[in-house]
Amino acid sequence: MKANNLMINNFSQKIIYEDNHIIAVNKDASIPTVPDITGDLSLLEMAKEYLKIKYEKKGNVFLGVIHRIDRPVSGLVLFARTSKAASRLSEQIRDKTIEKKYLALVENKPPQNSGILKNYLLKDEKKNIVSVWNEKINDNCKLSITEWKFLRAISSQYGNIYLLEITPVTGRPHQIRAQLSHAGFPILGDKKYNSKKGNLGGKIALHSYSMGFKHPTKDEELILRTELPENNIWAEN
């Protein structure tokens, strides 16, 4: 019983919002959103176990995956607790009516204060990496649109770095990471996409901090936000 209470208390500190239909959690970087080939415990599994213990549920706990963030990325992840909520939120994802915002620390200063990146992304499934193209080279190339805004320059232990607010319009795998790198300002610590500064131990300086959407069963708009991670990557922000 003490172990169960400890698990609930620890996980509940990560919860941003919870009701009968949805649960939003602040994911730590380096934890997979869903189970992957490593077999490491995922956020989805943690959330299911939390709900099972808290509400004394028997058998499997339903939890719908609405979206994912990459393993080295931290921040807000939204799950659906009912099939109705999952269906309605997935429809909002398809219709691009859910607004997600990220914060990123990048290594080079952008050339202007804001911009829109439009490229085609092609994912190599075997290598789990995305290449960026300025035109569609085949049917697997997907249009990707990312808006960004420069917030401020920061003097850090990694030298000068730059804080951006990111709004992905589309939702492609590795979209923000690949497009920012292609534009000339890779994310701090993201070795896969040309980061030259800082080894952050499997983490990158990208944080999902805000999500705005219509509640799946109530006639109200929700805007959920997370706190920045408590580590030295974000300590000066």
C-alpha atoms as a PDB file:
ATOM      1  CA  MET A   1       0.000   0.000   0.000  1.00  0.00           C
ATOM      2  CA  LYS A   2       2.850   2.406   0.815  1.00  0.00           C
ATOM      3  CA  ALA A   3       4.397   1.718  -2.600  1.00  0.00           C
ATOM      4  CA  ASN A   4       1.070   2.432  -4.296  1.00  0.00           C
ATOM      5  CA  ASN A   5       0.645   5.688  -2.395  1.00  0.00           C
ATOM      6  CA  LEU A   6       4.182   6.706  -3.282  1.00  0.00           C
ATOM      7  CA  MET A   7       3.570   5.989  -6.959  1.00  0.00           C
ATOM      8  CA  ILE A   8       0.363   8.061  -6.916  1.00  0.00           C
ATOM      9  CA  ASN A   9       2.013  10.956  -5.114  1.00  0.00           C
ATOM     10  CA  ASN A  10       5.034  11.009  -7.410  1.00  0.00           C
ATOM     11  CA  PHE A  11       3.002  10.795 -10.598  1.00  0.00           C
ATOM     12  CA  SER A  12       0.358  13.264  -9.423  1.00  0.00           C
ATOM     13  CA  GLN A  13       3.048  15.948  -9.233  1.00  0.00           C
ATOM     14  CA  LYS A  14       3.415  15.632 -13.000  1.00  0.00           C
ATOM     15  CA  ILE A  15      -0.298  16.024 -13.731  1.00  0.00           C
ATOM     16  CA  ILE A  16      -1.323  19.330 -15.272  1.00  0.00           C
ATOM     17  CA  TYR A  17      -5.031  18.594 -15.665  1.00  0.00           C
ATOM     18  CA  GLU A  18      -7.290  15.623 -14.960  1.00  0.00           C
ATOM     19  CA  ASP A  19     -11.008  14.931 -15.189  1.00  0.00           C
ATOM     20  CA  ASN A  20     -13.214  11.992 -16.197  1.00  0.00           C
ATOM     21  CA  HIS A  21     -12.389  12.403 -19.893  1.00  0.00           C
ATOM     22  CA  ILE A  22      -8.774  13.566 -20.229  1.00  0.00           C
ATOM     23  CA  ILE A  23      -5.477  13.644 -18.394  1.00  0.00           C
ATOM     24  CA  ALA A  24      -2.529  15.898 -19.258  1.00  0.00           C
ATOM     25  CA  VAL A  25       0.936  15.102 -17.921  1.00  0.00           C
ATOM     26  CA  ASN A  26       4.262  16.952 -17.900  1.00  0.00           C
ATOM     27  CA  LYS A  27       6.683  14.372 -19.373  1.00  0.00           C
ATOM     28  CA  ASP A  28      10.304  14.316 -18.326  1.00  0.00           C
ATOM     29  CA  ALA A  29      12.830  14.205 -21.159  1.00  0.00           C
ATOM     30  CA  SER A  30      14.334  10.748 -21.804  1.00  0.00           C
ATOM     31  CA  ILE A  31      11.048   8.959 -20.999  1.00  0.00           C
ATOM     32  CA  PRO A  32       9.234   7.539 -24.059  1.00  0.00           C
ATOM     33  CA  THR A  33       5.651   8.689 -24.549  1.00  0.00           C
ATOM     34  CA  VAL A  34       4.593   5.167 -25.522  1.00  0.00           C
ATOM     35  CA  PRO A  35       6.425   1.813 -25.289  1.00  0.00           C
ATOM     36  CA  ASP A  36       9.355   1.505 -27.699  1.00  0.00           C
ATOM     37  CA  ILE A  37      11.980  -1.068 -28.635  1.00  0.00           C
ATOM     38  CA  THR A  38      14.050  -0.327 -25.515  1.00  0.00           C
ATOM     39  CA  GLY A  39      11.402  -1.766 -23.214  1.00  0.00           C
ATOM     40  CA  ASP A  40      11.825   1.211 -20.867  1.00  0.00           C
ATOM     41  CA  LEU A  41       8.791   2.245 -18.841  1.00  0.00           C
ATOM     42  CA  SER A  42       6.750   4.741 -20.862  1.00  0.00           C
ATOM     43  CA  LEU A  43       4.582   7.684 -19.841  1.00  0.00           C
ATOM     44  CA  LEU A  44       1.524   5.846 -21.145  1.00  0.00           C
ATOM     45  CA  GLU A  45       2.227   2.862 -18.884  1.00  0.00           C
ATOM     46  CA  MET A  46       2.887   5.114 -15.883  1.00  0.00           C
ATOM     47  CA  ALA A  47      -0.388   6.980 -16.442  1.00  0.00           C
ATOM     48  CA  LYS A  48      -2.366   3.744 -16.749  1.00  0.00           C
ATOM     49  CA  GLU A  49      -0.868   2.407 -13.536  1.00  0.00           C
ATOM     50  CA  TYR A  50      -1.592   5.696 -11.750  1.00  0.00           C
ATOM     51  CA  LEU A  51      -5.252   5.593 -12.811  1.00  0.00           C
ATOM     52  CA  LYS A  52      -5.579   1.913 -11.952  1.00  0.00           C
ATOM     53  CA  ILE A  53      -4.284   2.461  -8.413  1.00  0.00           C
ATOM     54  CA  LYS A  54      -6.057   5.759  -7.739  1.00  0.00           C
ATOM     55  CA  TYR A  55      -9.486   4.599  -8.884  1.00  0.00           C
ATOM     56  CA  GLU A  56      -9.026   0.925  -7.868  1.00  0.00           C
ATOM     57  CA  LYS A  57      -9.776  -0.277 -11.376  1.00  0.00           C
ATOM     58  CA  LYS A  58      -9.664  -3.967 -12.203  1.00  0.00           C
ATOM     59  CA  GLY A  59      -8.268  -5.235 -15.486  1.00  0.00           C
ATOM     60  CA  ASN A  60      -6.868  -3.034 -18.232  1.00  0.00           C
ATOM     61  CA  VAL A  61      -7.203   0.747 -18.068  1.00  0.00           C
ATOM     62  CA  PHE A  62      -8.221   2.521 -21.284  1.00  0.00           C
ATOM     63  CA  LEU A  63      -6.036   5.486 -22.202  1.00  0.00           C
ATOM     64  CA  GLY A  64      -6.144   6.900 -25.720  1.00  0.00           C
ATOM     65  CA  VAL A  65      -2.938   8.280 -27.253  1.00  0.00           C
ATOM     66  CA  ILE A  66      -3.849  11.607 -28.896  1.00  0.00           C
ATOM     67  CA  HIS A  67      -0.358  12.743 -29.858  1.00  0.00           C
ATOM     68  CA  ARG A  68       3.262  12.045 -28.959  1.00  0.00           C
ATOM     69  CA  ILE A  69       6.402  13.994 -28.240  1.00  0.00           C
ATOM     70  CA  ASP A  70       9.845  12.584 -28.925  1.00  0.00           C
ATOM     71  CA  ARG A  71      11.669  10.744 -26.172  1.00  0.00           C
ATOM     72  CA  PRO A  72      14.374  13.441 -25.628  1.00  0.00           C
ATOM     73  CA  VAL A  73      11.717  16.196 -25.512  1.00  0.00           C
ATOM     74  CA  SER A  74      10.006  17.281 -22.290  1.00  0.00           C
ATOM     75  CA  GLY A  75       6.595  18.753 -21.656  1.00  0.00           C
ATOM     76  CA  LEU A  76       2.860  18.433 -22.047  1.00  0.00           C
ATOM     77  CA  VAL A  77       1.301  15.198 -23.255  1.00  0.00           C
ATOM     78  CA  LEU A  78      -2.480  14.775 -23.465  1.00  0.00           C
ATOM     79  CA  PHE A  79      -4.251  11.418 -23.128  1.00  0.00           C
ATOM     80  CA  ALA A  80      -7.942  10.559 -23.478  1.00  0.00           C
ATOM     81  CA  ARG A  81      -9.605   8.578 -20.688  1.00  0.00           C
ATOM     82  CA  THR A  82     -12.631   7.558 -22.776  1.00  0.00           C
ATOM     83  CA  SER A  83     -13.137   6.408 -26.359  1.00  0.00           C
ATOM     84  CA  LYS A  84     -15.476   9.365 -26.985  1.00  0.00           C
ATOM     85  CA  ALA A  85     -12.807  11.818 -25.841  1.00  0.00           C
ATOM     86  CA  ALA A  86     -10.175  10.030 -27.936  1.00  0.00           C
ATOM     87  CA  SER A  87     -12.329  10.257 -31.057  1.00  0.00           C
ATOM     88  CA  ARG A  88     -13.169  13.937 -30.611  1.00  0.00           C
ATOM     89  CA  LEU A  89      -9.626  14.998 -29.753  1.00  0.00           C
ATOM     90  CA  SER A  90      -8.218  13.003 -32.669  1.00  0.00           C
ATOM     91  CA  GLU A  91     -10.653  14.852 -34.927  1.00  0.00           C
ATOM     92  CA  GLN A  92      -9.311  18.167 -33.613  1.00  0.00           C
ATOM     93  CA  ILE A  93      -5.775  16.967 -34.371  1.00  0.00           C
ATOM     94  CA  ARG A  94      -6.790  16.096 -37.939  1.00  0.00           C
ATOM     95  CA  ASP A  95      -8.551  19.444 -38.371  1.00  0.00           C
ATOM     96  CA  LYS A  96      -5.508  21.292 -36.962  1.00  0.00           C
ATOM     97  CA  THR A  97      -7.657  23.091 -34.365  1.00  0.00           C
ATOM     98  CA  ILE A  98      -5.425  22.084 -31.451  1.00  0.00           C
ATOM     99  CA  GLU A  99      -2.721  24.711 -30.966  1.00  0.00           C
ATOM    100  CA  LYS A 100       0.541  23.422 -29.541  1.00  0.00           C
ATOM    101  CA  LYS A 101       3.426  25.652 -28.520  1.00  0.00           C
ATOM    102  CA  TYR A 102       6.982  24.710 -27.640  1.00  0.00           C
ATOM    103  CA  LEU A 103      10.007  26.481 -26.248  1.00  0.00           C
ATOM    104  CA  ALA A 104      13.385  25.727 -27.820  1.00  0.00           C
ATOM    105  CA  LEU A 105      16.926  26.754 -27.017  1.00  0.00           C
ATOM    106  CA  VAL A 106      18.863  26.940 -30.281  1.00  0.00           C
ATOM    107  CA  GLU A 107      22.562  27.339 -30.950  1.00  0.00           C
ATOM    108  CA  ASN A 108      22.598  30.009 -33.657  1.00  0.00           C
ATOM    109  CA  LYS A 109      20.756  33.297 -33.742  1.00  0.00           C
ATOM    110  CA  PRO A 110      17.914  33.319 -36.281  1.00  0.00           C
ATOM    111  CA  PRO A 111      18.229  35.894 -39.063  1.00  0.00           C
ATOM    112  CA  GLN A 112      15.035  37.750 -38.074  1.00  0.00           C
ATOM    113  CA  ASN A 113      12.595  37.941 -35.177  1.00  0.00           C
ATOM    114  CA  SER A 114      10.008  35.525 -36.557  1.00  0.00           C
ATOM    115  CA  GLY A 115       9.339  33.302 -39.505  1.00  0.00           C
ATOM    116  CA  ILE A 116       7.540  30.362 -41.047  1.00  0.00           C
ATOM    117  CA  LEU A 117       9.380  27.237 -42.165  1.00  0.00           C
ATOM    118  CA  LYS A 118       7.803  25.303 -45.048  1.00  0.00           C
ATOM    119  CA  ASN A 119       9.561  22.133 -46.155  1.00  0.00           C
ATOM    120  CA  TYR A 120       8.930  18.536 -47.116  1.00  0.00           C
ATOM    121  CA  LEU A 121      10.027  15.887 -44.634  1.00  0.00           C
ATOM    122  CA  LEU A 122      11.039  12.347 -45.510  1.00  0.00           C
ATOM    123  CA  LYS A 123      11.481   9.860 -42.667  1.00  0.00           C
ATOM    124  CA  ASP A 124      13.947   6.981 -42.781  1.00  0.00           C
ATOM    125  CA  GLU A 125      12.112   4.473 -40.598  1.00  0.00           C
ATOM    126  CA  LYS A 126      15.117   2.169 -40.179  1.00  0.00           C
ATOM    127  CA  LYS A 127      17.457   4.927 -39.010  1.00  0.00           C
ATOM    128  CA  ASN A 128      14.692   6.932 -37.271  1.00  0.00           C
ATOM    129  CA  ILE A 129      15.838  10.210 -38.803  1.00  0.00           C
ATOM    130  CA  VAL A 130      14.132  12.782 -41.001  1.00  0.00           C
ATOM    131  CA  SER A 131      15.591  14.539 -44.022  1.00  0.00           C
ATOM    132  CA  VAL A 132      14.369  17.972 -45.102  1.00  0.00           C
ATOM    133  CA  TRP A 133      13.645  18.929 -48.706  1.00  0.00           C
ATOM    134  CA  ASN A 134      12.551  22.162 -50.342  1.00  0.00           C
ATOM    135  CA  GLU A 135      10.359  20.295 -52.800  1.00  0.00           C
ATOM    136  CA  LYS A 136       8.418  17.041 -52.807  1.00  0.00           C
ATOM    137  CA  ILE A 137      10.732  14.323 -54.116  1.00  0.00           C
ATOM    138  CA  ASN A 138       8.329  11.372 -53.740  1.00  0.00           C
ATOM    139  CA  ASP A 139       4.952  10.409 -52.301  1.00  0.00           C
ATOM    140  CA  ASN A 140       6.449   9.757 -48.855  1.00  0.00           C
ATOM    141  CA  CYS A 141       7.580  13.380 -48.563  1.00  0.00           C
ATOM    142  CA  LYS A 142       5.146  15.265 -46.318  1.00  0.00           C
ATOM    143  CA  LEU A 143       4.598  19.017 -46.256  1.00  0.00           C
ATOM    144  CA  SER A 144       5.692  20.439 -42.904  1.00  0.00           C
ATOM    145  CA  ILE A 145       4.936  23.942 -41.613  1.00  0.00           C
ATOM    146  CA  THR A 146       6.428  25.420 -38.447  1.00  0.00           C
ATOM    147  CA  GLU A 147       6.064  28.970 -37.149  1.00  0.00           C
ATOM    148  CA  TRP A 148       8.733  30.416 -34.851  1.00  0.00           C
ATOM    149  CA  LYS A 149       9.324  33.594 -32.855  1.00  0.00           C
ATOM    150  CA  PHE A 150      12.595  34.805 -31.344  1.00  0.00           C
ATOM    151  CA  LEU A 151      12.203  35.657 -27.649  1.00  0.00           C
ATOM    152  CA  ARG A 152      15.682  36.489 -26.337  1.00  0.00           C
ATOM    153  CA  ALA A 153      19.395  35.727 -26.306  1.00  0.00           C
ATOM    154  CA  ILE A 154      20.897  33.979 -23.277  1.00  0.00           C
ATOM    155  CA  SER A 155      24.472  33.763 -22.053  1.00  0.00           C
ATOM    156  CA  SER A 156      24.882  30.226 -20.710  1.00  0.00           C
ATOM    157  CA  GLN A 157      27.437  27.583 -19.842  1.00  0.00           C
ATOM    158  CA  TYR A 158      27.132  26.506 -23.481  1.00  0.00           C
ATOM    159  CA  GLY A 159      27.925  29.987 -24.768  1.00  0.00           C
ATOM    160  CA  ASN A 160      25.346  32.208 -26.398  1.00  0.00           C
ATOM    161  CA  ILE A 161      22.055  30.428 -27.039  1.00  0.00           C
ATOM    162  CA  TYR A 162      18.694  31.715 -28.198  1.00  0.00           C
ATOM    163  CA  LEU A 163      15.172  31.100 -26.888  1.00  0.00           C
ATOM    164  CA  LEU A 164      12.433  30.560 -29.468  1.00  0.00           C
ATOM    165  CA  GLU A 165       8.686  29.998 -29.225  1.00  0.00           C
ATOM    166  CA  ILE A 166       7.615  27.344 -31.710  1.00  0.00           C
ATOM    167  CA  THR A 167       4.141  26.709 -33.125  1.00  0.00           C
ATOM    168  CA  PRO A 168       3.926  23.606 -35.317  1.00  0.00           C
ATOM    169  CA  VAL A 169       1.107  23.907 -37.852  1.00  0.00           C
ATOM    170  CA  THR A 170       1.507  20.331 -39.051  1.00  0.00           C
ATOM    171  CA  GLY A 171       2.462  17.357 -36.884  1.00  0.00           C
ATOM    172  CA  ARG A 172       5.196  15.385 -38.620  1.00  0.00           C
ATOM    173  CA  PRO A 173       7.750  13.148 -36.841  1.00  0.00           C
ATOM    174  CA  HIS A 174      10.804  15.151 -35.691  1.00  0.00           C
ATOM    175  CA  GLN A 175       9.277  18.182 -37.415  1.00  0.00           C
ATOM    176  CA  ILE A 176      10.565  20.961 -35.165  1.00  0.00           C
ATOM    177  CA  ARG A 177      13.982  19.380 -34.698  1.00  0.00           C
ATOM    178  CA  ALA A 178      14.617  18.739 -38.388  1.00  0.00           C
ATOM    179  CA  GLN A 179      13.251  22.028 -39.701  1.00  0.00           C
ATOM    180  CA  LEU A 180      15.088  24.225 -37.205  1.00  0.00           C
ATOM    181  CA  SER A 181      18.329  22.421 -37.991  1.00  0.00           C
ATOM    182  CA  HIS A 182      17.748  22.766 -41.742  1.00  0.00           C
ATOM    183  CA  ALA A 183      17.105  26.505 -41.240  1.00  0.00           C
ATOM    184  CA  GLY A 184      20.503  26.876 -39.551  1.00  0.00           C
ATOM    185  CA  PHE A 185      19.587  26.962 -35.857  1.00  0.00           C
ATOM    186  CA  PRO A 186      19.709  23.439 -34.405  1.00  0.00           C
ATOM    187  CA  ILE A 187      18.326  22.719 -30.944  1.00  0.00           C
ATOM    188  CA  LEU A 188      20.838  22.587 -28.111  1.00  0.00           C
ATOM    189  CA  GLY A 189      21.879  19.003 -27.391  1.00  0.00           C
ATOM    190  CA  ASP A 190      20.159  17.506 -30.446  1.00  0.00           C
ATOM    191  CA  LYS A 191      23.109  15.589 -31.889  1.00  0.00           C
ATOM    192  CA  LYS A 192      20.859  13.764 -34.347  1.00  0.00           C
ATOM    193  CA  TYR A 193      20.079  17.098 -35.991  1.00  0.00           C
ATOM    194  CA  ASN A 194      23.480  18.816 -36.026  1.00  0.00           C
ATOM    195  CA  SER A 195      23.807  20.228 -32.506  1.00  0.00           C
ATOM    196  CA  LYS A 196      27.450  21.195 -31.860  1.00  0.00           C
ATOM    197  CA  LYS A 197      27.109  22.309 -28.237  1.00  0.00           C
ATOM    198  CA  GLY A 198      26.438  20.419 -25.049  1.00  0.00           C
ATOM    199  CA  ASN A 199      25.899  16.754 -24.307  1.00  0.00           C
ATOM    200  CA  LEU A 200      22.641  16.777 -22.354  1.00  0.00           C
ATOM    201  CA  GLY A 201      22.546  13.070 -21.546  1.00  0.00           C
ATOM    202  CA  GLY A 202      19.931  11.982 -24.038  1.00  0.00           C
ATOM    203  CA  LYS A 203      17.851  15.149 -23.591  1.00  0.00           C
ATOM    204  CA  ILE A 204      17.419  18.121 -25.903  1.00  0.00           C
ATOM    205  CA  ALA A 205      16.389  21.699 -25.137  1.00  0.00           C
ATOM    206  CA  LEU A 206      12.889  21.423 -26.562  1.00  0.00           C
ATOM    207  CA  HIS A 207       9.862  21.672 -24.265  1.00  0.00           C
ATOM    208  CA  SER A 208       6.164  21.305 -25.054  1.00  0.00           C
ATOM    209  CA  TYR A 209       4.760  24.046 -22.837  1.00  0.00           C
ATOM    210  CA  SER A 210       1.246  24.897 -24.021  1.00  0.00           C
ATOM    211  CA  MET A 211      -1.773  23.312 -25.672  1.00  0.00           C
ATOM    212  CA  GLY A 212      -5.093  24.932 -26.532  1.00  0.00           C
ATOM    213  CA  PHE A 213      -8.105  22.815 -27.541  1.00  0.00           C
ATOM    214  CA  LYS A 214     -11.841  22.346 -27.106  1.00  0.00           C
ATOM    215  CA  HIS A 215     -12.740  20.029 -24.247  1.00  0.00           C
ATOM    216  CA  PRO A 216     -14.108  16.811 -25.797  1.00  0.00           C
ATOM    217  CA  THR A 217     -17.360  16.781 -23.793  1.00  0.00           C
ATOM    218  CA  LYS A 218     -17.796  20.312 -22.472  1.00  0.00           C
ATOM    219  CA  ASP A 219     -18.522  23.480 -24.410  1.00  0.00           C
ATOM    220  CA  GLU A 220     -15.348  25.210 -23.305  1.00  0.00           C
ATOM    221  CA  GLU A 221     -11.864  25.951 -24.561  1.00  0.00           C
ATOM    222  CA  LEU A 222      -8.907  24.809 -22.485  1.00  0.00           C
ATOM    223  CA  ILE A 223      -5.383  26.202 -22.544  1.00  0.00           C
ATOM    224  CA  LEU A 224      -3.004  24.016 -20.544  1.00  0.00           C
ATOM    225  CA  ARG A 225       0.567  25.044 -19.737  1.00  0.00           C
ATOM    226  CA  THR A 226       3.538  23.369 -18.097  1.00  0.00           C
ATOM    227  CA  GLU A 227       6.419  24.590 -16.005  1.00  0.00           C
ATOM    228  CA  LEU A 228       9.919  24.430 -17.444  1.00  0.00           C
ATOM    229  CA  PRO A 229      12.014  21.426 -16.384  1.00  0.00           C
ATOM    230  CA  GLU A 230      14.005  21.898 -13.194  1.00  0.00           C
ATOM    231  CA  ASN A 231      17.469  21.290 -14.608  1.00  0.00           C
ATOM    232  CA  ASN A 232      20.471  23.295 -15.677  1.00  0.00           C
ATOM    233  CA  ILE A 233      19.394  23.389 -19.322  1.00  0.00           C
ATOM    234  CA  TRP A 234      16.522  25.744 -18.500  1.00  0.00           C
ATOM    235  CA  ALA A 235      17.792  27.231 -15.228  1.00  0.00           C
ATOM    236  CA  GLU A 236      18.641  30.612 -16.772  1.00  0.00           C
ATOM    237  CA  ASN A 237      15.261  31.043 -18.448  1.00  0.00           C
END
